[in-house]
Amino acid sequence: MALTVSFSVSQTSGESSIVTIADTSTGSDVAVTQRRVYLRKSDGTFLVPDGTTTDYVQWAYADSSIDIDCLDKDYALEITVEWLDVTDVVLYDLTDVYGLTQYNEEFDYGLSTVLASNPLLVNDNSFKQNKSDLRMYIDSGDKAVARSSDITSAQLCYDQATWLRLNSIYYFNESSS
């Protein structure tokens, strides 16, 4: 049976810096001996773990998934997986776009728990609007990825959400709880 390549991408709560890629291919091809993963950002550069000297991450063919620890914030990425033979010839490749938003999603959920413990916080002058803005930026980035594979617009939205998260002391009166 011929190899039909596919892969999935996920993040785990509490491990925002890690992206997990799983090979979900069906069939087989005895010529395939290795894989490579490229994580291309909207500016055309590549994300790789510290110490990696290539634009890609090597992925052993014996492993069905790989955890890549390289995220320092939320990213919209074009992810390419290549399936190669022993002489580094690419036999198959597949590219798709993904929004990796675990940092901001966890922060948003944290705000929800703060709000649940102090419902009057919604009356704060800015909490409700700023939380709504945070959610809008995350959702707008996700929509850019899902509808148009537009990682540039998505990244701009994710960066706005990240800015709110990193400057939360000025935008969320969490000390009122």
N, C-alpha and C. Protein backbone atom coordinates (compact mmCIF):
# COMPACT_ATOMS: atom_id res chain seq x y z
N MET A 1 0.84 -1.17 0.00
CA MET A 1 0.00 0.00 0.00
C MET A 1 0.89 1.24 0.00
N ALA A 2 0.60 2.19 -0.85
CA ALA A 2 1.38 3.43 -0.95
C ALA A 2 1.19 4.29 0.30
N LEU A 3 2.15 5.14 0.56
CA LEU A 3 2.09 6.03 1.71
C LEU A 3 1.24 7.25 1.37
N THR A 4 0.26 7.52 2.19
CA THR A 4 -0.54 8.75 2.10
C THR A 4 -0.19 9.56 3.33
N VAL A 5 0.54 10.66 3.11
CA VAL A 5 1.09 11.41 4.24
C VAL A 5 0.05 12.34 4.85
N SER A 6 0.14 12.46 6.17
CA SER A 6 -0.65 13.44 6.92
C SER A 6 -0.02 13.59 8.30
N PHE A 7 -0.36 14.69 8.95
CA PHE A 7 0.13 14.92 10.30
C PHE A 7 -0.86 15.79 11.05
N SER A 8 -0.78 15.74 12.37
CA SER A 8 -1.60 16.60 13.21
C SER A 8 -0.69 17.42 14.10
N VAL A 9 -1.22 18.54 14.57
CA VAL A 9 -0.46 19.47 15.40
C VAL A 9 -1.29 19.78 16.63
N SER A 10 -0.63 19.79 17.80
CA SER A 10 -1.36 20.10 19.04
C SER A 10 -0.42 20.74 20.05
N GLN A 11 -1.04 21.30 21.08
CA GLN A 11 -0.34 21.81 22.25
C GLN A 11 -1.04 21.24 23.48
N THR A 12 -0.31 21.17 24.57
CA THR A 12 -0.84 20.64 25.81
C THR A 12 -0.92 21.75 26.84
N SER A 13 -2.03 21.81 27.55
CA SER A 13 -2.18 22.80 28.61
C SER A 13 -1.03 22.68 29.61
N GLY A 14 -0.47 23.82 29.96
CA GLY A 14 0.64 23.83 30.90
C GLY A 14 2.00 23.70 30.25
N GLU A 15 2.03 23.43 28.96
CA GLU A 15 3.29 23.30 28.22
C GLU A 15 3.25 24.18 26.97
N SER A 16 3.06 25.46 27.20
CA SER A 16 2.84 26.40 26.11
C SER A 16 4.00 26.51 25.12
N SER A 17 5.21 26.22 25.57
CA SER A 17 6.37 26.37 24.69
C SER A 17 6.55 25.19 23.74
N ILE A 18 5.76 24.13 23.93
CA ILE A 18 5.95 22.89 23.16
C ILE A 18 4.84 22.71 22.14
N VAL A 19 5.22 22.41 20.91
CA VAL A 19 4.27 22.01 19.87
C VAL A 19 4.53 20.52 19.60
N THR A 20 3.44 19.75 19.57
CA THR A 20 3.55 18.32 19.31
C THR A 20 3.03 18.04 17.91
N ILE A 21 3.83 17.33 17.15
CA ILE A 21 3.44 16.94 15.78
C ILE A 21 3.41 15.42 15.73
N ALA A 22 2.29 14.91 15.26
CA ALA A 22 2.11 13.46 15.17
C ALA A 22 1.94 13.07 13.70
N ASP A 23 2.62 12.03 13.31
CA ASP A 23 2.49 11.50 11.95
C ASP A 23 1.22 10.64 11.92
N THR A 24 0.26 11.05 11.13
CA THR A 24 -1.01 10.32 11.01
C THR A 24 -1.14 9.70 9.62
N SER A 25 -0.02 9.49 8.97
CA SER A 25 0.00 8.91 7.62
C SER A 25 -0.56 7.49 7.64
N THR A 26 -1.05 7.08 6.48
CA THR A 26 -1.51 5.71 6.31
C THR A 26 -0.71 5.06 5.18
N GLY A 27 -0.64 3.76 5.23
CA GLY A 27 0.12 3.04 4.22
C GLY A 27 1.60 3.01 4.59
N SER A 28 2.42 2.66 3.63
CA SER A 28 3.86 2.57 3.92
C SER A 28 4.66 2.76 2.64
N ASP A 29 5.91 3.11 2.86
CA ASP A 29 6.88 3.21 1.78
C ASP A 29 8.23 2.88 2.40
N VAL A 30 8.80 1.74 2.03
CA VAL A 30 10.04 1.27 2.65
C VAL A 30 11.21 2.20 2.37
N ALA A 31 11.08 3.08 1.39
CA ALA A 31 12.17 4.00 1.07
C ALA A 31 12.28 5.14 2.08
N VAL A 32 11.20 5.43 2.81
CA VAL A 32 11.23 6.52 3.79
C VAL A 32 12.00 6.08 5.03
N THR A 33 12.98 6.90 5.41
CA THR A 33 13.80 6.58 6.58
C THR A 33 13.85 7.70 7.61
N GLN A 34 13.35 8.87 7.27
CA GLN A 34 13.44 10.00 8.18
C GLN A 34 12.41 11.06 7.84
N ARG A 35 12.25 12.01 8.77
CA ARG A 35 11.34 13.15 8.55
C ARG A 35 12.05 14.42 9.00
N ARG A 36 11.56 15.53 8.46
CA ARG A 36 11.98 16.86 8.89
C ARG A 36 10.73 17.71 9.08
N VAL A 37 10.81 18.62 10.04
CA VAL A 37 9.72 19.55 10.30
C VAL A 37 10.25 20.97 10.16
N TYR A 38 9.54 21.78 9.38
CA TYR A 38 9.84 23.20 9.25
C TYR A 38 8.69 23.98 9.88
N LEU A 39 9.03 24.91 10.76
CA LEU A 39 8.04 25.78 11.40
C LEU A 39 8.32 27.20 10.93
N ARG A 40 7.62 27.62 9.87
CA ARG A 40 7.88 28.94 9.27
C ARG A 40 6.95 29.98 9.86
N LYS A 41 7.55 31.07 10.34
CA LYS A 41 6.80 32.19 10.90
C LYS A 41 6.32 33.11 9.77
N SER A 42 5.45 34.04 10.13
CA SER A 42 4.88 34.94 9.13
C SER A 42 5.93 35.85 8.49
N ASP A 43 7.06 36.07 9.16
CA ASP A 43 8.11 36.91 8.58
C ASP A 43 9.08 36.10 7.70
N GLY A 44 8.80 34.81 7.52
CA GLY A 44 9.62 33.97 6.65
C GLY A 44 10.75 33.26 7.36
N THR A 45 11.01 33.58 8.62
CA THR A 45 12.06 32.89 9.36
C THR A 45 11.49 31.62 9.98
N PHE A 46 12.37 30.80 10.50
CA PHE A 46 11.97 29.50 11.03
C PHE A 46 12.21 29.41 12.54
N LEU A 47 11.28 28.76 13.22
CA LEU A 47 11.43 28.47 14.65
C LEU A 47 12.08 27.11 14.80
N VAL A 48 13.10 27.05 15.63
CA VAL A 48 13.75 25.78 15.96
C VAL A 48 14.17 25.85 17.43
N PRO A 49 14.35 24.72 18.07
CA PRO A 49 14.83 24.74 19.46
C PRO A 49 16.23 25.33 19.54
N ASP A 50 16.55 25.89 20.71
CA ASP A 50 17.90 26.42 20.94
C ASP A 50 18.94 25.35 20.62
N GLY A 51 20.00 25.77 19.96
CA GLY A 51 21.08 24.86 19.63
C GLY A 51 20.95 24.20 18.27
N THR A 52 19.78 24.33 17.63
CA THR A 52 19.58 23.74 16.30
C THR A 52 20.20 24.66 15.27
N THR A 53 21.01 24.11 14.37
CA THR A 53 21.74 24.93 13.40
C THR A 53 21.11 24.92 12.00
N THR A 54 20.01 24.20 11.84
CA THR A 54 19.32 24.15 10.55
C THR A 54 17.98 24.88 10.68
N ASP A 55 17.30 25.08 9.55
CA ASP A 55 15.96 25.68 9.55
C ASP A 55 14.88 24.68 9.91
N TYR A 56 15.25 23.44 10.10
CA TYR A 56 14.29 22.38 10.36
C TYR A 56 14.67 21.59 11.61
N VAL A 57 13.72 20.78 12.05
CA VAL A 57 13.95 19.87 13.17
C VAL A 57 13.92 18.46 12.61
N GLN A 58 14.96 17.71 12.89
CA GLN A 58 15.04 16.31 12.44
C GLN A 58 14.08 15.48 13.29
N TRP A 59 13.34 14.59 12.65
CA TRP A 59 12.33 13.78 13.33
C TRP A 59 12.57 12.32 12.96
N ALA A 60 12.97 11.52 13.92
CA ALA A 60 13.26 10.11 13.67
C ALA A 60 12.02 9.39 13.15
N TYR A 61 12.20 8.59 12.14
CA TYR A 61 11.06 7.89 11.54
C TYR A 61 10.47 6.84 12.47
N ALA A 62 11.25 6.37 13.41
CA ALA A 62 10.75 5.37 14.36
C ALA A 62 9.77 5.97 15.36
N ASP A 63 9.80 7.29 15.53
CA ASP A 63 8.91 7.97 16.49
C ASP A 63 7.65 8.45 15.79
N SER A 64 6.51 8.12 16.35
CA SER A 64 5.24 8.53 15.71
C SER A 64 4.90 9.98 15.96
N SER A 65 5.52 10.59 16.98
CA SER A 65 5.29 12.00 17.23
C SER A 65 6.57 12.64 17.74
N ILE A 66 6.58 13.96 17.72
CA ILE A 66 7.74 14.72 18.20
C ILE A 66 7.23 15.94 18.96
N ASP A 67 7.86 16.21 20.10
CA ASP A 67 7.61 17.42 20.86
C ASP A 67 8.74 18.39 20.56
N ILE A 68 8.37 19.56 20.05
CA ILE A 68 9.37 20.58 19.71
C ILE A 68 9.19 21.75 20.67
N ASP A 69 10.19 21.99 21.49
CA ASP A 69 10.14 23.04 22.51
C ASP A 69 10.83 24.29 21.94
N CYS A 70 10.03 25.18 21.33
CA CYS A 70 10.63 26.35 20.69
C CYS A 70 9.74 27.59 20.73
N LEU A 71 8.55 27.50 21.30
CA LEU A 71 7.63 28.63 21.28
C LEU A 71 7.87 29.52 22.50
N ASP A 72 7.97 30.83 22.27
CA ASP A 72 8.11 31.78 23.36
C ASP A 72 6.89 32.70 23.48
N LYS A 73 5.93 32.50 22.60
CA LYS A 73 4.67 33.24 22.59
C LYS A 73 3.74 32.50 21.64
N ASP A 74 2.57 33.06 21.39
CA ASP A 74 1.65 32.45 20.42
C ASP A 74 2.13 32.76 19.00
N TYR A 75 1.99 31.77 18.13
CA TYR A 75 2.42 31.93 16.74
C TYR A 75 1.39 31.38 15.77
N ALA A 76 1.31 32.03 14.62
CA ALA A 76 0.66 31.48 13.45
C ALA A 76 1.80 30.95 12.58
N LEU A 77 1.77 29.66 12.29
CA LEU A 77 2.89 29.03 11.59
C LEU A 77 2.44 28.26 10.37
N GLU A 78 3.30 28.27 9.37
CA GLU A 78 3.17 27.35 8.25
C GLU A 78 4.09 26.18 8.58
N ILE A 79 3.49 25.02 8.78
CA ILE A 79 4.26 23.84 9.18
C ILE A 79 4.36 22.88 8.00
N THR A 80 5.58 22.50 7.70
CA THR A 80 5.84 21.54 6.62
C THR A 80 6.54 20.32 7.21
N VAL A 81 6.04 19.16 6.88
CA VAL A 81 6.71 17.92 7.22
C VAL A 81 7.17 17.29 5.92
N GLU A 82 8.43 16.86 5.90
CA GLU A 82 9.00 16.15 4.76
C GLU A 82 9.33 14.72 5.17
N TRP A 83 9.06 13.79 4.29
CA TRP A 83 9.43 12.39 4.47
C TRP A 83 10.55 12.12 3.47
N LEU A 84 11.72 11.67 3.95
CA LEU A 84 12.91 11.56 3.13
C LEU A 84 13.45 10.14 3.11
N ASP A 85 14.30 9.88 2.11
CA ASP A 85 14.98 8.58 2.07
C ASP A 85 16.35 8.70 2.72
N VAL A 86 17.10 7.65 2.69
CA VAL A 86 18.40 7.58 3.37
C VAL A 86 19.41 8.58 2.80
N THR A 87 19.23 9.04 1.57
CA THR A 87 20.17 10.00 0.97
C THR A 87 19.64 11.44 1.04
N ASP A 88 18.67 11.68 1.89
CA ASP A 88 18.08 13.01 2.12
C ASP A 88 17.26 13.55 0.95
N VAL A 89 16.79 12.66 0.10
CA VAL A 89 15.89 13.06 -0.98
C VAL A 89 14.46 13.10 -0.42
N VAL A 90 13.78 14.22 -0.65
CA VAL A 90 12.40 14.35 -0.18
C VAL A 90 11.49 13.52 -1.08
N LEU A 91 10.83 12.54 -0.48
CA LEU A 91 9.91 11.68 -1.23
C LEU A 91 8.48 12.19 -1.14
N TYR A 92 8.12 12.77 -0.01
CA TYR A 92 6.78 13.32 0.22
C TYR A 92 6.92 14.57 1.08
N ASP A 93 6.01 15.49 0.91
CA ASP A 93 5.94 16.62 1.83
C ASP A 93 4.50 17.10 1.92
N LEU A 94 4.20 17.72 3.03
CA LEU A 94 2.86 18.24 3.27
C LEU A 94 2.99 19.51 4.11
N THR A 95 2.24 20.54 3.72
CA THR A 95 2.29 21.84 4.40
C THR A 95 0.88 22.26 4.76
N ASP A 96 0.74 22.83 5.96
CA ASP A 96 -0.53 23.41 6.38
C ASP A 96 -0.22 24.53 7.37
N VAL A 97 -1.23 25.32 7.70
CA VAL A 97 -1.05 26.43 8.63
C VAL A 97 -1.79 26.15 9.93
N TYR A 98 -1.23 26.67 11.02
CA TYR A 98 -1.78 26.42 12.34
C TYR A 98 -1.63 27.65 13.21
N GLY A 99 -2.60 27.86 14.07
CA GLY A 99 -2.51 28.87 15.11
C GLY A 99 -2.20 28.17 16.42
N LEU A 100 -1.09 28.50 17.03
CA LEU A 100 -0.67 27.89 18.29
C LEU A 100 -0.82 28.96 19.37
N THR A 101 -1.90 28.84 20.15
CA THR A 101 -2.32 29.93 21.02
C THR A 101 -2.37 29.56 22.50
N GLN A 102 -1.60 28.59 22.92
CA GLN A 102 -1.71 28.10 24.29
C GLN A 102 -1.35 29.16 25.34
N TYR A 103 -0.36 30.01 25.06
CA TYR A 103 0.00 31.05 26.03
C TYR A 103 -1.21 31.95 26.34
N ASN A 104 -1.80 32.50 25.30
CA ASN A 104 -2.91 33.44 25.51
C ASN A 104 -4.19 32.75 25.94
N GLU A 105 -4.41 31.52 25.49
CA GLU A 105 -5.61 30.78 25.94
C GLU A 105 -5.54 30.50 27.44
N GLU A 106 -4.37 30.12 27.92
CA GLU A 106 -4.23 29.86 29.35
C GLU A 106 -4.41 31.14 30.17
N PHE A 107 -3.87 32.25 29.65
CA PHE A 107 -4.05 33.52 30.33
C PHE A 107 -5.53 33.91 30.36
N ASP A 108 -6.21 33.75 29.23
CA ASP A 108 -7.64 34.09 29.16
C ASP A 108 -8.43 33.23 30.15
N TYR A 109 -8.12 31.95 30.22
CA TYR A 109 -8.82 31.09 31.18
C TYR A 109 -8.53 31.53 32.62
N GLY A 110 -7.30 31.93 32.88
CA GLY A 110 -6.96 32.43 34.20
C GLY A 110 -7.79 33.65 34.57
N LEU A 111 -8.01 34.54 33.60
CA LEU A 111 -8.87 35.70 33.84
C LEU A 111 -10.30 35.26 34.14
N SER A 112 -10.74 34.21 33.47
CA SER A 112 -12.09 33.69 33.72
C SER A 112 -12.22 33.16 35.14
N THR A 113 -11.18 32.50 35.64
CA THR A 113 -11.25 31.98 37.01
C THR A 113 -11.22 33.12 38.02
N VAL A 114 -10.46 34.16 37.72
CA VAL A 114 -10.44 35.34 38.59
C VAL A 114 -11.83 35.98 38.62
N LEU A 115 -12.44 36.08 37.45
CA LEU A 115 -13.78 36.66 37.36
C LEU A 115 -14.81 35.81 38.09
N ALA A 116 -14.67 34.51 38.00
CA ALA A 116 -15.61 33.61 38.69
C ALA A 116 -15.50 33.76 40.20
N SER A 117 -14.29 34.01 40.70
CA SER A 117 -14.12 34.17 42.15
C SER A 117 -14.50 35.57 42.62
N ASN A 118 -14.60 36.51 41.70
CA ASN A 118 -14.97 37.88 42.04
C ASN A 118 -15.84 38.46 40.92
N PRO A 119 -17.11 38.08 40.88
CA PRO A 119 -18.00 38.53 39.79
C PRO A 119 -18.12 40.04 39.65
N LEU A 120 -17.91 40.77 40.73
CA LEU A 120 -18.02 42.23 40.65
C LEU A 120 -16.87 42.86 39.86
N LEU A 121 -15.83 42.07 39.60
CA LEU A 121 -14.71 42.55 38.80
C LEU A 121 -15.15 43.01 37.42
N VAL A 122 -16.24 42.44 36.94
CA VAL A 122 -16.75 42.83 35.62
C VAL A 122 -17.16 44.30 35.61
N ASN A 123 -17.43 44.86 36.79
CA ASN A 123 -17.80 46.27 36.88
C ASN A 123 -16.60 47.20 36.84
N ASP A 124 -15.40 46.65 36.94
CA ASP A 124 -14.19 47.46 36.85
C ASP A 124 -14.22 48.22 35.52
N ASN A 125 -13.67 49.41 35.52
CA ASN A 125 -13.72 50.28 34.34
C ASN A 125 -13.21 49.63 33.07
N SER A 126 -12.22 48.78 33.19
CA SER A 126 -11.60 48.27 31.97
C SER A 126 -11.55 46.76 31.84
N PHE A 127 -11.78 46.02 32.92
CA PHE A 127 -11.61 44.57 32.88
C PHE A 127 -12.43 43.92 31.77
N LYS A 128 -13.72 44.22 31.73
CA LYS A 128 -14.61 43.58 30.75
C LYS A 128 -14.17 43.90 29.31
N GLN A 129 -13.89 45.16 29.03
CA GLN A 129 -13.48 45.53 27.67
C GLN A 129 -12.15 44.89 27.29
N ASN A 130 -11.20 44.91 28.21
CA ASN A 130 -9.89 44.35 27.90
C ASN A 130 -9.93 42.84 27.74
N LYS A 131 -10.74 42.16 28.56
CA LYS A 131 -10.90 40.71 28.40
C LYS A 131 -11.58 40.42 27.06
N SER A 132 -12.56 41.23 26.70
CA SER A 132 -13.22 41.07 25.39
C SER A 132 -12.23 41.30 24.25
N ASP A 133 -11.36 42.28 24.40
CA ASP A 133 -10.35 42.54 23.37
C ASP A 133 -9.38 41.36 23.25
N LEU A 134 -8.95 40.83 24.39
CA LEU A 134 -8.06 39.67 24.37
C LEU A 134 -8.70 38.52 23.59
N ARG A 135 -9.94 38.21 23.93
CA ARG A 135 -10.65 37.11 23.26
C ARG A 135 -10.81 37.40 21.77
N MET A 136 -11.12 38.66 21.44
CA MET A 136 -11.30 39.04 20.03
C MET A 136 -10.00 38.83 19.24
N TYR A 137 -8.87 39.23 19.83
CA TYR A 137 -7.59 39.07 19.13
C TYR A 137 -7.27 37.59 18.90
N ILE A 138 -7.47 36.76 19.92
CA ILE A 138 -7.21 35.32 19.76
C ILE A 138 -8.13 34.74 18.69
N ASP A 139 -9.43 35.03 18.79
CA ASP A 139 -10.39 34.48 17.84
C ASP A 139 -10.17 35.00 16.42
N SER A 140 -9.81 36.28 16.30
CA SER A 140 -9.56 36.85 14.97
C SER A 140 -8.34 36.20 14.32
N GLY A 141 -7.30 35.93 15.11
CA GLY A 141 -6.14 35.23 14.58
C GLY A 141 -6.51 33.83 14.13
N ASP A 142 -7.29 33.14 14.96
CA ASP A 142 -7.74 31.79 14.60
C ASP A 142 -8.56 31.82 13.31
N LYS A 143 -9.40 32.82 13.17
CA LYS A 143 -10.25 32.94 11.98
C LYS A 143 -9.39 33.19 10.73
N ALA A 144 -8.36 34.01 10.85
CA ALA A 144 -7.46 34.27 9.72
C ALA A 144 -6.78 32.98 9.25
N VAL A 145 -6.41 32.14 10.21
CA VAL A 145 -5.78 30.86 9.87
C VAL A 145 -6.80 29.94 9.21
N ALA A 146 -7.97 29.79 9.85
CA ALA A 146 -8.97 28.82 9.38
C ALA A 146 -9.60 29.21 8.04
N ARG A 147 -9.90 30.47 7.86
CA ARG A 147 -10.62 30.88 6.65
C ARG A 147 -9.70 31.13 5.46
N SER A 148 -8.52 31.67 5.72
CA SER A 148 -7.69 32.13 4.60
C SER A 148 -6.25 31.64 4.64
N SER A 149 -5.89 30.82 5.62
CA SER A 149 -4.49 30.40 5.79
C SER A 149 -3.56 31.60 5.84
N ASP A 150 -4.06 32.69 6.44
CA ASP A 150 -3.36 33.97 6.48
C ASP A 150 -2.58 34.09 7.78
N ILE A 151 -1.33 33.62 7.76
CA ILE A 151 -0.55 33.64 9.00
C ILE A 151 -0.05 35.05 9.33
N THR A 152 0.02 35.94 8.36
CA THR A 152 0.45 37.30 8.64
C THR A 152 -0.59 38.05 9.46
N SER A 153 -1.83 38.04 9.02
CA SER A 153 -2.90 38.69 9.79
C SER A 153 -3.09 38.00 11.13
N ALA A 154 -3.02 36.68 11.13
CA ALA A 154 -3.18 35.94 12.38
C ALA A 154 -2.09 36.34 13.37
N GLN A 155 -0.85 36.44 12.91
CA GLN A 155 0.24 36.79 13.81
C GLN A 155 0.05 38.19 14.39
N LEU A 156 -0.43 39.12 13.57
CA LEU A 156 -0.69 40.47 14.08
C LEU A 156 -1.73 40.43 15.20
N CYS A 157 -2.76 39.63 15.04
CA CYS A 157 -3.78 39.49 16.08
C CYS A 157 -3.20 38.82 17.32
N TYR A 158 -2.47 37.73 17.13
CA TYR A 158 -1.88 37.03 18.28
C TYR A 158 -0.91 37.94 19.03
N ASP A 159 -0.18 38.78 18.30
CA ASP A 159 0.76 39.70 18.95
C ASP A 159 0.02 40.74 19.79
N GLN A 160 -1.15 41.19 19.34
CA GLN A 160 -1.95 42.12 20.15
C GLN A 160 -2.42 41.45 21.43
N ALA A 161 -2.87 40.20 21.32
CA ALA A 161 -3.29 39.45 22.51
C ALA A 161 -2.10 39.25 23.45
N THR A 162 -0.94 38.93 22.89
CA THR A 162 0.27 38.75 23.70
C THR A 162 0.64 40.04 24.41
N TRP A 163 0.51 41.16 23.73
CA TRP A 163 0.81 42.45 24.34
C TRP A 163 -0.09 42.69 25.55
N LEU A 164 -1.38 42.41 25.41
CA LEU A 164 -2.29 42.55 26.56
C LEU A 164 -1.87 41.62 27.71
N ARG A 165 -1.50 40.38 27.36
CA ARG A 165 -1.09 39.42 28.40
C ARG A 165 0.17 39.89 29.12
N LEU A 166 1.16 40.31 28.36
CA LEU A 166 2.44 40.71 28.95
C LEU A 166 2.34 42.01 29.73
N ASN A 167 1.35 42.82 29.43
CA ASN A 167 1.14 44.09 30.12
C ASN A 167 -0.13 44.06 30.97
N SER A 168 -0.48 42.88 31.44
CA SER A 168 -1.76 42.68 32.13
C SER A 168 -1.90 43.54 33.38
N ILE A 169 -0.81 43.88 34.00
CA ILE A 169 -0.89 44.70 35.21
C ILE A 169 -1.60 46.03 34.94
N TYR A 170 -1.52 46.51 33.70
CA TYR A 170 -2.14 47.79 33.34
C TYR A 170 -3.56 47.64 32.82
N TYR A 171 -3.97 46.42 32.48
CA TYR A 171 -5.25 46.24 31.80
C TYR A 171 -6.27 45.38 32.56
N PHE A 172 -5.80 44.65 33.56
CA PHE A 172 -6.70 43.77 34.31
C PHE A 172 -6.49 43.98 35.79
N ASN A 173 -7.49 44.50 36.44
CA ASN A 173 -7.42 44.80 37.87
C ASN A 173 -7.67 43.51 38.65
N GLU A 174 -6.74 42.58 38.52
CA GLU A 174 -6.89 41.27 39.16
C GLU A 174 -6.72 41.34 40.67
N SER A 175 -6.10 42.41 41.16
CA SER A 175 -5.88 42.52 42.60
C SER A 175 -7.15 42.83 43.37
N SER A 176 -8.25 43.08 42.65
CA SER A 176 -9.53 43.36 43.29
C SER A 176 -10.16 42.11 43.85
N SER A 177 -9.60 40.95 43.55
CA SER A 177 -10.25 39.70 44.00
C SER A 177 -9.99 39.41 45.45
